[in-house]
Amino acid sequence: MNKKLLLGLSAIMLTATLFGCSQVHFGRDAVTIGTEKKAKPKVEHKKDQSTKKESATTSSSKKSVKKTTKKVEKTKDKKAKDKNKKKKSKSKTKKVVKTNWNKAKTKKTASCNKSSGQTYRFYDGIHPLKTKKGDTYPQAFKQARFVLKKKPIKIGWSPLGKNKYQYNVVAIANDDFKSWHNTYLFCLKKNKPIILLDQSKNTNPIVVQVVNDKVLNKKFKQIVE
């Protein structure tokens, strides 16, 4: 048996010298001659990994877009609600300006002048009131300057008695004579009654004076109060 082994080994060695030593391979169970085939390592597909990554990134980006759109919608809703609240608060906080004058008081003023025995023509709020050799009301408030006690005053037409001017005219009565006119300007100065008289003849500025008629002043005061 030993001789056979020696003969086999010698034969193998001889073939190894002929083909080259690198081609002789000693295995666990056998000896092979020639190049040994090595098993190829398994390569994982990179495409699958990249596609997985891409799908993950796209899904995350979609989620982030959804979140941002929701946030934007929430902020818009909040802004709209805040605007509505502000509008409601403004509408609630609007102050109602109380005045000491109305249309009923204008009618009373006209009746009290008739009771004095004189025929006055009142400005009705529509048709201009032309005076004899004087100005036309209420245009005169815008076209001319007014002077009281040698001092200019701010005066204007205010049919509802709003405190727009220094002297707020709530009623105008005129009585014409042959060569002059008496135009009474019923005013509210800081919600207090005062009557001014214009007797000027187409002059600028228009010089007015305070009416000292006690009866007329008393009646006007009662109407205002």
C-alpha atoms as a PDB file:
ATOM      1  CA  MET A   1       0.000   0.000   0.000  1.00  0.00           C
ATOM      2  CA  ASN A   2       2.813   2.421   0.800  1.00  0.00           C
ATOM      3  CA  LYS A   3       4.409   1.774  -2.519  1.00  0.00           C
ATOM      4  CA  LYS A   4       1.168   2.589  -4.299  1.00  0.00           C
ATOM      5  CA  LEU A   5       0.877   5.850  -2.432  1.00  0.00           C
ATOM      6  CA  LEU A   6       4.430   6.763  -3.213  1.00  0.00           C
ATOM      7  CA  LEU A   7       3.871   6.006  -6.865  1.00  0.00           C
ATOM      8  CA  GLY A   8       0.696   8.135  -6.886  1.00  0.00           C
ATOM      9  CA  LEU A   9       2.392  11.034  -5.197  1.00  0.00           C
ATOM     10  CA  SER A  10       5.338  10.875  -7.510  1.00  0.00           C
ATOM     11  CA  ALA A  11       2.958  10.910 -10.473  1.00  0.00           C
ATOM     12  CA  ILE A  12       1.174  13.901  -9.080  1.00  0.00           C
ATOM     13  CA  MET A  13       4.403  15.734  -8.444  1.00  0.00           C
ATOM     14  CA  LEU A  14       5.550  14.984 -11.973  1.00  0.00           C
ATOM     15  CA  THR A  15       2.384  16.423 -13.461  1.00  0.00           C
ATOM     16  CA  ALA A  16       2.733  19.402 -11.164  1.00  0.00           C
ATOM     17  CA  THR A  17       6.162  20.129 -12.501  1.00  0.00           C
ATOM     18  CA  LEU A  18       4.815  19.899 -16.020  1.00  0.00           C
ATOM     19  CA  PHE A  19       1.775  22.171 -15.534  1.00  0.00           C
ATOM     20  CA  GLY A  20       3.182  24.421 -12.834  1.00  0.00           C
ATOM     21  CA  CYS A  21       2.928  24.240  -9.093  1.00  0.00           C
ATOM     22  CA  SER A  22       0.202  26.866  -8.866  1.00  0.00           C
ATOM     23  CA  GLN A  23      -2.256  24.494 -10.566  1.00  0.00           C
ATOM     24  CA  VAL A  24      -2.002  21.724  -7.959  1.00  0.00           C
ATOM     25  CA  HIS A  25      -4.538  22.088  -5.162  1.00  0.00           C
ATOM     26  CA  PHE A  26      -4.716  19.887  -2.105  1.00  0.00           C
ATOM     27  CA  GLY A  27      -8.236  19.626  -0.820  1.00  0.00           C
ATOM     28  CA  ARG A  28      -9.668  17.930   2.223  1.00  0.00           C
ATOM     29  CA  ASP A  29     -10.890  14.897   0.302  1.00  0.00           C
ATOM     30  CA  ALA A  30      -8.949  15.045  -2.987  1.00  0.00           C
ATOM     31  CA  VAL A  31      -6.103  16.599  -4.879  1.00  0.00           C
ATOM     32  CA  THR A  32      -7.010  18.595  -8.019  1.00  0.00           C
ATOM     33  CA  ILE A  33      -4.823  19.820 -10.805  1.00  0.00           C
ATOM     34  CA  GLY A  34      -5.624  23.110 -12.567  1.00  0.00           C
ATOM     35  CA  THR A  35      -7.094  26.462 -11.633  1.00  0.00           C
ATOM     36  CA  GLU A  36      -9.480  26.397  -8.754  1.00  0.00           C
ATOM     37  CA  LYS A  37     -12.810  28.065  -9.337  1.00  0.00           C
ATOM     38  CA  LYS A  38     -13.723  30.380  -6.506  1.00  0.00           C
ATOM     39  CA  ALA A  39     -17.308  31.120  -5.651  1.00  0.00           C
ATOM     40  CA  LYS A  40     -18.386  34.584  -6.674  1.00  0.00           C
ATOM     41  CA  PRO A  41     -19.433  36.798  -3.767  1.00  0.00           C
ATOM     42  CA  LYS A  42     -23.067  37.800  -3.759  1.00  0.00           C
ATOM     43  CA  VAL A  43     -23.521  41.440  -4.739  1.00  0.00           C
ATOM     44  CA  GLU A  44     -26.565  43.238  -3.405  1.00  0.00           C
ATOM     45  CA  HIS A  45     -28.445  45.314  -5.905  1.00  0.00           C
ATOM     46  CA  LYS A  46     -27.729  48.961  -5.338  1.00  0.00           C
ATOM     47  CA  LYS A  47     -30.739  49.906  -7.397  1.00  0.00           C
ATOM     48  CA  ASP A  48     -33.108  48.443  -4.872  1.00  0.00           C
ATOM     49  CA  GLN A  49     -31.449  50.405  -2.080  1.00  0.00           C
ATOM     50  CA  SER A  50     -31.487  53.664  -4.077  1.00  0.00           C
ATOM     51  CA  THR A  51     -35.143  53.210  -5.019  1.00  0.00           C
ATOM     52  CA  LYS A  52     -35.980  52.517  -1.396  1.00  0.00           C
ATOM     53  CA  LYS A  53     -34.126  55.664  -0.377  1.00  0.00           C
ATOM     54  CA  GLU A  54     -35.848  57.707  -3.095  1.00  0.00           C
ATOM     55  CA  SER A  55     -39.269  56.432  -2.083  1.00  0.00           C
ATOM     56  CA  ALA A  56     -38.486  57.211   1.548  1.00  0.00           C
ATOM     57  CA  THR A  57     -37.346  60.745   0.685  1.00  0.00           C
ATOM     58  CA  THR A  58     -40.362  61.389  -1.549  1.00  0.00           C
ATOM     59  CA  SER A  59     -42.753  60.155   1.120  1.00  0.00           C
ATOM     60  CA  SER A  60     -41.027  62.318   3.740  1.00  0.00           C
ATOM     61  CA  SER A  61     -41.111  65.349   1.392  1.00  0.00           C
ATOM     62  CA  LYS A  62     -44.822  64.784   0.738  1.00  0.00           C
ATOM     63  CA  LYS A  63     -45.455  64.607   4.474  1.00  0.00           C
ATOM     64  CA  SER A  64     -43.498  67.823   5.025  1.00  0.00           C
ATOM     65  CA  VAL A  65     -45.443  69.568   2.230  1.00  0.00           C
ATOM     66  CA  LYS A  66     -48.722  68.439   3.771  1.00  0.00           C
ATOM     67  CA  LYS A  67     -47.620  69.719   7.175  1.00  0.00           C
ATOM     68  CA  THR A  68     -46.560  73.107   5.753  1.00  0.00           C
ATOM     69  CA  THR A  69     -49.833  73.484   3.812  1.00  0.00           C
ATOM     70  CA  LYS A  70     -51.785  72.680   6.962  1.00  0.00           C
ATOM     71  CA  LYS A  71     -49.770  75.257   8.889  1.00  0.00           C
ATOM     72  CA  VAL A  72     -50.358  77.891   6.190  1.00  0.00           C
ATOM     73  CA  GLU A  73     -54.094  77.146   6.195  1.00  0.00           C
ATOM     74  CA  LYS A  74     -54.198  77.400   9.981  1.00  0.00           C
ATOM     75  CA  THR A  75     -52.392  80.762   9.935  1.00  0.00           C
ATOM     76  CA  LYS A  76     -54.775  82.061   7.244  1.00  0.00           C
ATOM     77  CA  ASP A  77     -57.773  80.944   9.294  1.00  0.00           C
ATOM     78  CA  LYS A  78     -56.356  82.652  12.374  1.00  0.00           C
ATOM     79  CA  LYS A  79     -55.753  85.897  10.464  1.00  0.00           C
ATOM     80  CA  ALA A  80     -59.278  85.845   9.048  1.00  0.00           C
ATOM     81  CA  LYS A  81     -60.720  85.232  12.510  1.00  0.00           C
ATOM     82  CA  ASP A  82     -58.612  88.059  13.967  1.00  0.00           C
ATOM     83  CA  LYS A  83     -59.842  90.433  11.245  1.00  0.00           C
ATOM     84  CA  ASN A  84     -63.446  89.491  11.910  1.00  0.00           C
ATOM     85  CA  LYS A  85     -62.926  90.017  15.638  1.00  0.00           C
ATOM     86  CA  LYS A  86     -61.377  93.439  15.012  1.00  0.00           C
ATOM     87  CA  LYS A  87     -64.262  94.447  12.743  1.00  0.00           C
ATOM     88  CA  LYS A  88     -66.795  93.330  15.346  1.00  0.00           C
ATOM     89  CA  SER A  89     -64.940  95.141  18.112  1.00  0.00           C
ATOM     90  CA  LYS A  90     -64.764  98.323  16.003  1.00  0.00           C
ATOM     91  CA  SER A  91     -68.458  98.146  15.202  1.00  0.00           C
ATOM     92  CA  LYS A  92     -69.223  97.665  18.880  1.00  0.00           C
ATOM     93  CA  THR A  93     -66.906 100.449  20.043  1.00  0.00           C
ATOM     94  CA  LYS A  94     -68.328 103.070  17.672  1.00  0.00           C
ATOM     95  CA  LYS A  95     -69.427 105.918  19.854  1.00  0.00           C
ATOM     96  CA  VAL A  96     -72.833 107.401  19.251  1.00  0.00           C
ATOM     97  CA  VAL A  97     -72.404 111.176  19.258  1.00  0.00           C
ATOM     98  CA  LYS A  98     -75.207 112.758  21.230  1.00  0.00           C
ATOM     99  CA  THR A  99     -76.327 116.226  20.142  1.00  0.00           C
ATOM    100  CA  ASN A 100     -78.740 118.760  21.571  1.00  0.00           C
ATOM    101  CA  TRP A 101     -80.509 119.222  18.256  1.00  0.00           C
ATOM    102  CA  ASN A 102     -82.893 117.496  15.832  1.00  0.00           C
ATOM    103  CA  LYS A 103     -85.574 118.280  13.218  1.00  0.00           C
ATOM    104  CA  ALA A 104     -88.307 118.619  15.813  1.00  0.00           C
ATOM    105  CA  LYS A 105     -86.352 121.362  17.548  1.00  0.00           C
ATOM    106  CA  THR A 106     -85.920 123.152  14.225  1.00  0.00           C
ATOM    107  CA  LYS A 107     -89.708 123.282  13.838  1.00  0.00           C
ATOM    108  CA  LYS A 108     -90.085 124.588  17.375  1.00  0.00           C
ATOM    109  CA  THR A 109     -87.584 127.355  16.629  1.00  0.00           C
ATOM    110  CA  ALA A 110     -89.645 128.416  13.616  1.00  0.00           C
ATOM    111  CA  SER A 111     -92.838 128.530  15.679  1.00  0.00           C
ATOM    112  CA  CYS A 112     -91.287 130.608  18.470  1.00  0.00           C
ATOM    113  CA  ASN A 113     -90.229 133.289  15.968  1.00  0.00           C
ATOM    114  CA  LYS A 114     -93.757 133.516  14.549  1.00  0.00           C
ATOM    115  CA  SER A 115     -95.163 134.023  18.038  1.00  0.00           C
ATOM    116  CA  SER A 116     -92.999 137.153  18.410  1.00  0.00           C
ATOM    117  CA  GLY A 117     -95.158 138.980  15.870  1.00  0.00           C
ATOM    118  CA  GLN A 118     -92.544 139.159  13.103  1.00  0.00           C
ATOM    119  CA  THR A 119     -92.623 137.260   9.812  1.00  0.00           C
ATOM    120  CA  TYR A 120     -89.375 135.281   9.496  1.00  0.00           C
ATOM    121  CA  ARG A 121     -88.493 133.072   6.587  1.00  0.00           C
ATOM    122  CA  PHE A 122     -86.593 129.966   7.660  1.00  0.00           C
ATOM    123  CA  TYR A 123     -84.043 127.992   5.692  1.00  0.00           C
ATOM    124  CA  ASP A 124     -85.681 124.622   4.929  1.00  0.00           C
ATOM    125  CA  GLY A 125     -82.425 122.763   4.256  1.00  0.00           C
ATOM    126  CA  ILE A 126     -83.111 122.595   0.491  1.00  0.00           C
ATOM    127  CA  HIS A 127     -83.789 126.002  -1.037  1.00  0.00           C
ATOM    128  CA  PRO A 128     -81.131 128.718  -0.537  1.00  0.00           C
ATOM    129  CA  LEU A 129     -82.141 131.613   1.693  1.00  0.00           C
ATOM    130  CA  LYS A 130     -81.503 134.929  -0.139  1.00  0.00           C
ATOM    131  CA  THR A 131     -81.316 138.069   2.021  1.00  0.00           C
ATOM    132  CA  LYS A 132     -82.184 141.683   0.985  1.00  0.00           C
ATOM    133  CA  LYS A 133     -78.952 143.337  -0.200  1.00  0.00           C
ATOM    134  CA  GLY A 134     -77.046 140.672   1.696  1.00  0.00           C
ATOM    135  CA  ASP A 135     -75.612 137.201   1.291  1.00  0.00           C
ATOM    136  CA  THR A 136     -77.278 133.877   0.477  1.00  0.00           C
ATOM    137  CA  TYR A 137     -77.312 131.138   3.126  1.00  0.00           C
ATOM    138  CA  PRO A 138     -75.924 128.574   3.747  1.00  0.00           C
ATOM    139  CA  GLN A 139     -73.450 129.291   0.882  1.00  0.00           C
ATOM    140  CA  ALA A 140     -72.216 132.355   2.770  1.00  0.00           C
ATOM    141  CA  PHE A 141     -70.488 130.130   5.354  1.00  0.00           C
ATOM    142  CA  LYS A 142     -68.155 128.818   2.650  1.00  0.00           C
ATOM    143  CA  GLN A 143     -67.843 131.953   0.511  1.00  0.00           C
ATOM    144  CA  ALA A 144     -67.168 134.595   3.170  1.00  0.00           C
ATOM    145  CA  ARG A 145     -65.357 135.104   6.437  1.00  0.00           C
ATOM    146  CA  PHE A 146     -67.255 135.959   9.633  1.00  0.00           C
ATOM    147  CA  VAL A 147     -66.195 138.415  12.314  1.00  0.00           C
ATOM    148  CA  LEU A 148     -67.593 138.775  15.834  1.00  0.00           C
ATOM    149  CA  LYS A 149     -66.375 141.581  18.110  1.00  0.00           C
ATOM    150  CA  LYS A 150     -63.580 142.349  15.637  1.00  0.00           C
ATOM    151  CA  LYS A 151     -62.320 138.760  15.799  1.00  0.00           C
ATOM    152  CA  PRO A 152     -62.656 136.114  13.083  1.00  0.00           C
ATOM    153  CA  ILE A 153     -64.774 133.097  14.035  1.00  0.00           C
ATOM    154  CA  LYS A 154     -65.270 129.617  12.616  1.00  0.00           C
ATOM    155  CA  ILE A 155     -68.917 129.153  11.774  1.00  0.00           C
ATOM    156  CA  GLY A 156     -70.792 126.668   9.579  1.00  0.00           C
ATOM    157  CA  TRP A 157     -74.048 124.928   8.810  1.00  0.00           C
ATOM    158  CA  SER A 158     -74.656 121.944  11.126  1.00  0.00           C
ATOM    159  CA  PRO A 159     -78.325 120.899  10.970  1.00  0.00           C
ATOM    160  CA  LEU A 160     -77.866 118.056  13.471  1.00  0.00           C
ATOM    161  CA  GLY A 161     -75.905 120.152  15.937  1.00  0.00           C
ATOM    162  CA  LYS A 162     -72.631 118.272  15.551  1.00  0.00           C
ATOM    163  CA  ASN A 163     -69.689 120.084  17.044  1.00  0.00           C
ATOM    164  CA  LYS A 164     -67.822 120.751  13.782  1.00  0.00           C
ATOM    165  CA  TYR A 165     -67.167 124.461  14.189  1.00  0.00           C
ATOM    166  CA  GLN A 166     -66.740 127.089  16.853  1.00  0.00           C
ATOM    167  CA  TYR A 167     -70.327 128.194  16.084  1.00  0.00           C
ATOM    168  CA  ASN A 168     -72.542 125.381  14.725  1.00  0.00           C
ATOM    169  CA  VAL A 169     -75.589 126.851  12.985  1.00  0.00           C
ATOM    170  CA  VAL A 170     -78.697 124.683  13.477  1.00  0.00           C
ATOM    171  CA  ALA A 171     -81.336 127.105  12.125  1.00  0.00           C
ATOM    172  CA  ILE A 172     -81.401 130.251   9.962  1.00  0.00           C
ATOM    173  CA  ALA A 173     -84.216 132.838   9.917  1.00  0.00           C
ATOM    174  CA  ASN A 174     -84.380 135.957   7.763  1.00  0.00           C
ATOM    175  CA  ASP A 175     -86.580 139.056   7.739  1.00  0.00           C
ATOM    176  CA  ASP A 176     -86.210 141.505   4.835  1.00  0.00           C
ATOM    177  CA  PHE A 177     -86.902 145.246   5.002  1.00  0.00           C
ATOM    178  CA  LYS A 178     -86.686 148.043   2.413  1.00  0.00           C
ATOM    179  CA  SER A 179     -82.948 148.519   2.462  1.00  0.00           C
ATOM    180  CA  TRP A 180     -81.581 145.932   4.885  1.00  0.00           C
ATOM    181  CA  HIS A 181     -82.178 142.504   6.386  1.00  0.00           C
ATOM    182  CA  ASN A 182     -82.122 140.818   9.766  1.00  0.00           C
ATOM    183  CA  THR A 183     -80.689 137.313   9.494  1.00  0.00           C
ATOM    184  CA  TYR A 184     -80.677 135.290  12.710  1.00  0.00           C
ATOM    185  CA  LEU A 185     -78.161 132.470  13.012  1.00  0.00           C
ATOM    186  CA  PHE A 186     -79.227 130.054  15.754  1.00  0.00           C
ATOM    187  CA  CYS A 187     -75.991 128.439  16.926  1.00  0.00           C
ATOM    188  CA  LEU A 188     -74.662 125.905  19.379  1.00  0.00           C
ATOM    189  CA  LYS A 189     -71.305 126.801  20.887  1.00  0.00           C
ATOM    190  CA  LYS A 190     -70.048 123.780  22.844  1.00  0.00           C
ATOM    191  CA  ASN A 191     -73.689 122.573  23.000  1.00  0.00           C
ATOM    192  CA  LYS A 192     -74.800 125.879  24.515  1.00  0.00           C
ATOM    193  CA  PRO A 193     -77.334 128.138  22.707  1.00  0.00           C
ATOM    194  CA  ILE A 194     -76.303 131.467  21.237  1.00  0.00           C
ATOM    195  CA  ILE A 195     -77.963 133.597  18.531  1.00  0.00           C
ATOM    196  CA  LEU A 196     -75.989 135.760  16.101  1.00  0.00           C
ATOM    197  CA  LEU A 197     -77.407 138.546  13.901  1.00  0.00           C
ATOM    198  CA  ASP A 198     -76.224 139.426  10.384  1.00  0.00           C
ATOM    199  CA  GLN A 199     -77.206 142.851   8.944  1.00  0.00           C
ATOM    200  CA  SER A 200     -74.321 143.244   6.492  1.00  0.00           C
ATOM    201  CA  LYS A 201     -74.724 144.338   2.865  1.00  0.00           C
ATOM    202  CA  ASN A 202     -72.752 142.016   0.567  1.00  0.00           C
ATOM    203  CA  THR A 203     -69.555 142.546   2.482  1.00  0.00           C
ATOM    204  CA  ASN A 204     -66.642 140.256   3.159  1.00  0.00           C
ATOM    205  CA  PRO A 205     -66.026 139.627   5.968  1.00  0.00           C
ATOM    206  CA  ILE A 206     -69.578 139.416   7.299  1.00  0.00           C
ATOM    207  CA  VAL A 207     -69.807 141.221  10.616  1.00  0.00           C
ATOM    208  CA  VAL A 208     -72.204 139.588  13.098  1.00  0.00           C
ATOM    209  CA  GLN A 209     -73.285 140.463  16.631  1.00  0.00           C
ATOM    210  CA  VAL A 210     -74.793 138.587  19.571  1.00  0.00           C
ATOM    211  CA  VAL A 211     -78.572 138.977  19.872  1.00  0.00           C
ATOM    212  CA  ASN A 212     -79.573 140.482  23.231  1.00  0.00           C
ATOM    213  CA  ASP A 213     -83.320 139.845  22.889  1.00  0.00           C
ATOM    214  CA  LYS A 214     -84.144 138.202  26.216  1.00  0.00           C
ATOM    215  CA  VAL A 215     -87.424 136.662  25.046  1.00  0.00           C
ATOM    216  CA  LEU A 216     -85.885 135.114  21.935  1.00  0.00           C
ATOM    217  CA  ASN A 217     -82.827 133.852  23.827  1.00  0.00           C
ATOM    218  CA  LYS A 218     -85.015 132.303  26.525  1.00  0.00           C
ATOM    219  CA  LYS A 219     -87.189 130.459  24.012  1.00  0.00           C
ATOM    220  CA  PHE A 220     -84.157 129.158  22.107  1.00  0.00           C
ATOM    221  CA  LYS A 221     -82.534 127.995  25.322  1.00  0.00           C
ATOM    222  CA  GLN A 222     -85.689 126.107  26.309  1.00  0.00           C
ATOM    223  CA  ILE A 223     -85.778 124.382  22.909  1.00  0.00           C
ATOM    224  CA  VAL A 224     -82.113 123.346  23.183  1.00  0.00           C
ATOM    225  CA  GLU A 225     -82.470 122.025  26.710  1.00  0.00           C
END
